């Protein structure tokens, strides 16, 4: 299904896009060095699965992306067998997404 012209324009690289500026002292990348990603890397990247919006975000996401958004049922992490760990910085539980998507 072809994309509408405005959406195609938003997703295609053009010479009229300026390079990102060097991060300022309060920007994430100034304090958390990351290797970055080229446009070619982004194009080669294959998403691991669908986005799982919460119901209150469904209308906003549909309006923003100008696409139909479906809310998927909640996944019970406790019985799913998904590998988890506790982040040593935030002390929040993290899920290993490759396994989570494979289990859907």
N, C-alpha and C. Protein backbone atom coordinates (compact mmCIF):
# COMPACT_ATOMS: atom_id res chain seq x y z
N UNK A 1 0.85 -1.18 0.00
CA UNK A 1 0.00 0.00 0.00
C UNK A 1 0.90 1.24 0.00
N UNK A 2 0.76 2.10 -0.99
CA UNK A 2 1.62 3.29 -1.04
C UNK A 2 1.26 4.28 0.07
N UNK A 3 2.28 4.95 0.57
CA UNK A 3 2.08 5.96 1.61
C UNK A 3 1.56 7.25 1.01
N UNK A 4 0.75 8.01 1.76
CA UNK A 4 0.32 9.32 1.29
C UNK A 4 1.54 10.22 1.11
N UNK A 5 1.46 11.16 0.17
CA UNK A 5 2.59 12.04 -0.16
C UNK A 5 3.19 12.74 1.07
N UNK A 6 2.39 13.32 1.99
CA UNK A 6 3.02 13.99 3.15
C UNK A 6 3.82 13.03 4.02
N UNK A 7 3.34 11.80 4.18
CA UNK A 7 4.05 10.82 5.00
C UNK A 7 5.31 10.35 4.28
N UNK A 8 5.22 10.12 2.96
CA UNK A 8 6.40 9.76 2.18
C UNK A 8 7.47 10.83 2.30
N UNK A 9 7.07 12.09 2.21
CA UNK A 9 8.01 13.23 2.31
C UNK A 9 8.69 13.24 3.67
N UNK A 10 7.95 12.92 4.73
CA UNK A 10 8.51 12.93 6.09
C UNK A 10 9.51 11.80 6.30
N UNK A 11 9.38 10.73 5.54
CA UNK A 11 10.22 9.56 5.76
C UNK A 11 11.38 9.42 4.78
N UNK A 12 11.44 10.28 3.77
CA UNK A 12 12.52 10.18 2.79
C UNK A 12 13.63 11.17 3.12
N UNK A 13 14.89 10.74 3.00
CA UNK A 13 16.00 11.67 3.25
C UNK A 13 16.14 12.65 2.08
N UNK A 14 16.33 13.89 2.37
CA UNK A 14 16.52 14.93 1.35
C UNK A 14 17.67 15.82 1.76
N UNK A 15 18.21 16.50 0.79
CA UNK A 15 19.35 17.40 1.03
C UNK A 15 18.95 18.60 1.89
N UNK A 16 17.65 18.85 2.06
CA UNK A 16 17.23 20.02 2.82
C UNK A 16 17.25 19.79 4.34
N UNK A 17 17.66 18.60 4.78
CA UNK A 17 17.79 18.35 6.21
C UNK A 17 19.20 18.72 6.65
N UNK A 18 19.31 19.51 7.70
CA UNK A 18 20.62 19.91 8.22
C UNK A 18 21.14 18.81 9.16
N UNK A 19 22.45 18.71 9.24
CA UNK A 19 23.07 17.76 10.17
C UNK A 19 22.74 18.19 11.60
N UNK A 20 22.69 17.23 12.50
CA UNK A 20 22.44 17.55 13.90
C UNK A 20 23.62 18.32 14.47
N UNK A 21 23.36 19.32 15.31
CA UNK A 21 24.46 20.08 15.91
C UNK A 21 25.20 19.24 16.96
N UNK A 22 26.37 19.67 17.32
CA UNK A 22 27.15 19.03 18.37
C UNK A 22 26.35 19.16 19.67
N UNK A 23 26.26 18.08 20.47
CA UNK A 23 25.48 18.16 21.71
C UNK A 23 26.00 19.24 22.65
N UNK A 24 25.06 19.96 23.29
CA UNK A 24 25.42 20.96 24.29
C UNK A 24 25.71 20.28 25.62
N UNK A 25 26.18 21.04 26.60
CA UNK A 25 26.60 20.45 27.88
C UNK A 25 25.49 19.72 28.63
N UNK A 26 24.23 20.07 28.38
CA UNK A 26 23.12 19.42 29.09
C UNK A 26 22.41 18.37 28.26
N UNK A 27 22.90 18.11 27.04
CA UNK A 27 22.27 17.12 26.17
C UNK A 27 22.68 15.70 26.57
N UNK A 28 21.82 14.76 26.26
CA UNK A 28 22.06 13.35 26.60
C UNK A 28 23.42 12.88 26.07
N UNK A 29 23.70 13.13 24.79
CA UNK A 29 24.92 12.60 24.19
C UNK A 29 26.19 13.25 24.74
N UNK A 30 26.09 14.42 25.32
CA UNK A 30 27.26 15.05 25.93
C UNK A 30 27.65 14.31 27.21
N UNK A 31 26.69 13.65 27.83
CA UNK A 31 26.91 12.98 29.10
C UNK A 31 26.87 11.46 29.01
N UNK A 32 26.37 10.95 27.89
CA UNK A 32 26.25 9.50 27.68
C UNK A 32 26.71 9.18 26.26
N UNK A 33 28.00 9.05 26.03
CA UNK A 33 28.50 8.79 24.67
C UNK A 33 27.89 7.53 24.07
N UNK A 34 27.43 7.63 22.85
CA UNK A 34 26.85 6.51 22.12
C UNK A 34 27.47 6.48 20.72
N UNK A 35 27.56 5.31 20.10
CA UNK A 35 28.22 5.22 18.81
C UNK A 35 27.47 5.90 17.67
N UNK A 36 26.19 6.12 17.82
CA UNK A 36 25.41 6.75 16.76
C UNK A 36 24.92 5.74 15.74
N UNK A 37 24.16 6.24 14.76
CA UNK A 37 23.57 5.39 13.75
C UNK A 37 23.46 6.19 12.47
N UNK A 38 23.95 5.65 11.37
CA UNK A 38 23.83 6.33 10.08
C UNK A 38 22.42 6.09 9.52
N UNK A 39 22.06 6.86 8.52
CA UNK A 39 20.75 6.65 7.89
C UNK A 39 20.70 5.27 7.25
N UNK A 40 21.81 4.84 6.64
CA UNK A 40 21.87 3.51 6.03
C UNK A 40 21.66 2.42 7.09
N UNK A 41 22.25 2.60 8.28
CA UNK A 41 22.04 1.64 9.38
C UNK A 41 20.57 1.60 9.77
N UNK A 42 19.95 2.78 9.85
CA UNK A 42 18.54 2.86 10.21
C UNK A 42 17.68 2.12 9.18
N UNK A 43 17.98 2.32 7.90
CA UNK A 43 17.20 1.67 6.84
C UNK A 43 17.35 0.15 6.92
N UNK A 44 18.55 -0.33 7.23
CA UNK A 44 18.80 -1.78 7.33
C UNK A 44 18.18 -2.40 8.58
N UNK A 45 17.93 -1.57 9.62
CA UNK A 45 17.39 -2.07 10.87
C UNK A 45 16.00 -2.63 10.65
N UNK A 46 15.74 -3.78 11.22
CA UNK A 46 14.43 -4.39 11.13
C UNK A 46 13.81 -4.40 12.52
N UNK A 47 12.66 -3.75 12.69
CA UNK A 47 12.03 -3.75 14.02
C UNK A 47 11.77 -5.17 14.48
N UNK A 48 11.85 -5.38 15.78
CA UNK A 48 11.67 -6.71 16.34
C UNK A 48 10.20 -7.05 16.57
N UNK A 49 9.32 -6.10 16.38
CA UNK A 49 7.91 -6.41 16.60
C UNK A 49 7.08 -5.14 16.66
N UNK A 50 5.80 -5.28 16.95
CA UNK A 50 4.90 -4.13 16.96
C UNK A 50 5.10 -3.24 18.18
N UNK A 51 4.70 -1.98 18.02
CA UNK A 51 4.68 -1.06 19.16
C UNK A 51 3.44 -1.41 19.97
N UNK A 52 3.57 -1.40 21.29
CA UNK A 52 2.46 -1.78 22.16
C UNK A 52 1.94 -0.58 22.93
N UNK A 53 1.12 0.27 22.30
CA UNK A 53 0.65 1.48 23.00
C UNK A 53 -0.38 1.16 24.07
N UNK A 54 -0.41 1.99 25.09
CA UNK A 54 -1.46 1.91 26.10
C UNK A 54 -2.70 2.56 25.54
N UNK A 55 -3.85 2.14 26.01
CA UNK A 55 -5.12 2.65 25.46
C UNK A 55 -5.22 4.17 25.44
N UNK A 56 -4.82 4.89 26.51
CA UNK A 56 -4.94 6.36 26.45
C UNK A 56 -4.09 6.99 25.35
N UNK A 57 -3.08 6.28 24.85
CA UNK A 57 -2.22 6.81 23.80
C UNK A 57 -2.68 6.45 22.40
N UNK A 58 -3.68 5.60 22.29
CA UNK A 58 -4.13 5.13 20.99
C UNK A 58 -4.56 6.28 20.07
N UNK A 59 -5.38 7.18 20.58
CA UNK A 59 -5.86 8.28 19.76
C UNK A 59 -4.73 9.20 19.36
N UNK A 60 -3.85 9.52 20.30
CA UNK A 60 -2.71 10.38 20.01
C UNK A 60 -1.79 9.75 18.96
N UNK A 61 -1.48 8.47 19.13
CA UNK A 61 -0.60 7.79 18.18
C UNK A 61 -1.24 7.72 16.80
N UNK A 62 -2.53 7.45 16.73
CA UNK A 62 -3.22 7.40 15.44
C UNK A 62 -3.19 8.76 14.76
N UNK A 63 -3.41 9.83 15.52
CA UNK A 63 -3.37 11.17 14.93
C UNK A 63 -1.96 11.55 14.50
N UNK A 64 -0.96 11.22 15.30
CA UNK A 64 0.42 11.59 14.99
C UNK A 64 0.92 10.86 13.75
N UNK A 65 0.67 9.56 13.66
CA UNK A 65 1.18 8.76 12.55
C UNK A 65 0.21 8.72 11.36
N UNK A 66 -0.99 9.28 11.55
CA UNK A 66 -2.06 9.23 10.54
C UNK A 66 -2.28 7.80 10.05
N UNK A 67 -2.27 6.87 11.00
CA UNK A 67 -2.49 5.45 10.72
C UNK A 67 -3.41 4.88 11.78
N UNK A 68 -4.06 3.77 11.45
CA UNK A 68 -4.87 3.08 12.45
C UNK A 68 -3.94 2.46 13.49
N UNK A 69 -4.29 2.58 14.75
CA UNK A 69 -3.49 2.02 15.84
C UNK A 69 -4.34 1.02 16.60
N UNK A 70 -3.83 -0.19 16.74
CA UNK A 70 -4.53 -1.22 17.48
C UNK A 70 -3.84 -1.43 18.83
N UNK A 71 -4.65 -1.51 19.88
CA UNK A 71 -4.12 -1.78 21.22
C UNK A 71 -4.10 -3.29 21.42
N UNK A 72 -2.93 -3.82 21.71
CA UNK A 72 -2.78 -5.25 21.92
C UNK A 72 -3.08 -5.59 23.38
N UNK A 73 -3.48 -6.81 23.65
CA UNK A 73 -3.75 -7.19 25.04
C UNK A 73 -2.46 -7.19 25.86
N UNK A 74 -2.61 -6.97 27.15
CA UNK A 74 -1.46 -6.96 28.06
C UNK A 74 -0.84 -8.34 28.12
N UNK A 75 0.47 -8.36 28.29
CA UNK A 75 1.21 -9.60 28.42
C UNK A 75 1.54 -9.81 29.89
N UNK A 76 1.20 -10.96 30.43
CA UNK A 76 1.51 -11.26 31.83
C UNK A 76 2.97 -11.70 31.91
N UNK A 77 3.84 -10.79 32.34
CA UNK A 77 5.28 -11.03 32.39
C UNK A 77 5.59 -12.20 33.33
N UNK A 78 4.86 -12.32 34.43
CA UNK A 78 5.16 -13.33 35.44
C UNK A 78 5.06 -14.76 34.89
N UNK A 79 4.15 -14.99 33.96
CA UNK A 79 3.97 -16.35 33.44
C UNK A 79 4.48 -16.51 32.01
N UNK A 80 5.08 -15.47 31.47
CA UNK A 80 5.49 -15.50 30.06
C UNK A 80 6.83 -16.19 29.82
N UNK A 81 7.65 -16.31 30.86
CA UNK A 81 8.98 -16.89 30.67
C UNK A 81 9.99 -15.90 30.12
N UNK A 82 9.62 -14.63 30.06
CA UNK A 82 10.52 -13.59 29.55
C UNK A 82 11.63 -13.33 30.56
N UNK A 83 12.85 -13.21 30.07
CA UNK A 83 13.99 -12.93 30.92
C UNK A 83 13.95 -11.48 31.38
N UNK A 84 14.15 -11.26 32.68
CA UNK A 84 14.17 -9.90 33.22
C UNK A 84 15.45 -9.70 34.02
N UNK A 85 15.76 -8.44 34.29
CA UNK A 85 16.88 -8.09 35.17
C UNK A 85 16.55 -6.75 35.82
N UNK A 86 17.26 -6.43 36.88
CA UNK A 86 17.08 -5.15 37.54
C UNK A 86 18.21 -4.22 37.10
N UNK A 87 17.84 -3.04 36.61
CA UNK A 87 18.83 -2.05 36.20
C UNK A 87 19.58 -1.57 37.42
N UNK A 88 20.92 -1.64 37.38
CA UNK A 88 21.71 -1.28 38.56
C UNK A 88 21.68 0.22 38.85
N UNK A 89 21.33 1.04 37.86
CA UNK A 89 21.25 2.49 38.07
C UNK A 89 19.87 2.91 38.59
N UNK A 90 18.82 2.48 37.87
CA UNK A 90 17.47 2.93 38.20
C UNK A 90 16.75 1.98 39.15
N UNK A 91 17.27 0.75 39.28
CA UNK A 91 16.66 -0.30 40.09
C UNK A 91 15.29 -0.70 39.57
N UNK A 92 15.05 -0.43 38.28
CA UNK A 92 13.79 -0.84 37.66
C UNK A 92 14.00 -2.15 36.90
N UNK A 93 12.93 -2.91 36.78
CA UNK A 93 13.00 -4.17 36.05
C UNK A 93 13.07 -3.88 34.55
N UNK A 94 13.92 -4.61 33.84
CA UNK A 94 14.04 -4.51 32.40
C UNK A 94 13.72 -5.87 31.79
N UNK A 95 13.14 -5.84 30.59
CA UNK A 95 12.79 -7.06 29.89
C UNK A 95 13.74 -7.26 28.72
N UNK A 96 14.07 -8.49 28.42
CA UNK A 96 14.87 -8.77 27.24
C UNK A 96 13.93 -8.86 26.05
N UNK A 97 13.92 -7.80 25.23
CA UNK A 97 12.90 -7.64 24.21
C UNK A 97 12.91 -8.70 23.12
N UNK A 98 14.05 -9.25 22.73
CA UNK A 98 14.07 -10.27 21.67
C UNK A 98 13.19 -11.45 22.07
N UNK A 99 13.32 -11.85 23.32
CA UNK A 99 12.52 -12.97 23.80
C UNK A 99 11.06 -12.56 23.95
N UNK A 100 10.83 -11.35 24.41
CA UNK A 100 9.44 -10.88 24.59
C UNK A 100 8.70 -10.89 23.27
N UNK A 101 9.32 -10.40 22.22
CA UNK A 101 8.66 -10.34 20.92
C UNK A 101 8.46 -11.76 20.36
N UNK A 102 9.45 -12.62 20.54
CA UNK A 102 9.34 -14.00 20.06
C UNK A 102 8.19 -14.74 20.75
N UNK A 103 7.91 -14.36 22.00
CA UNK A 103 6.87 -15.03 22.76
C UNK A 103 5.47 -14.51 22.47
N UNK A 104 5.34 -13.41 21.73
CA UNK A 104 4.00 -12.84 21.48
C UNK A 104 3.17 -13.73 20.60
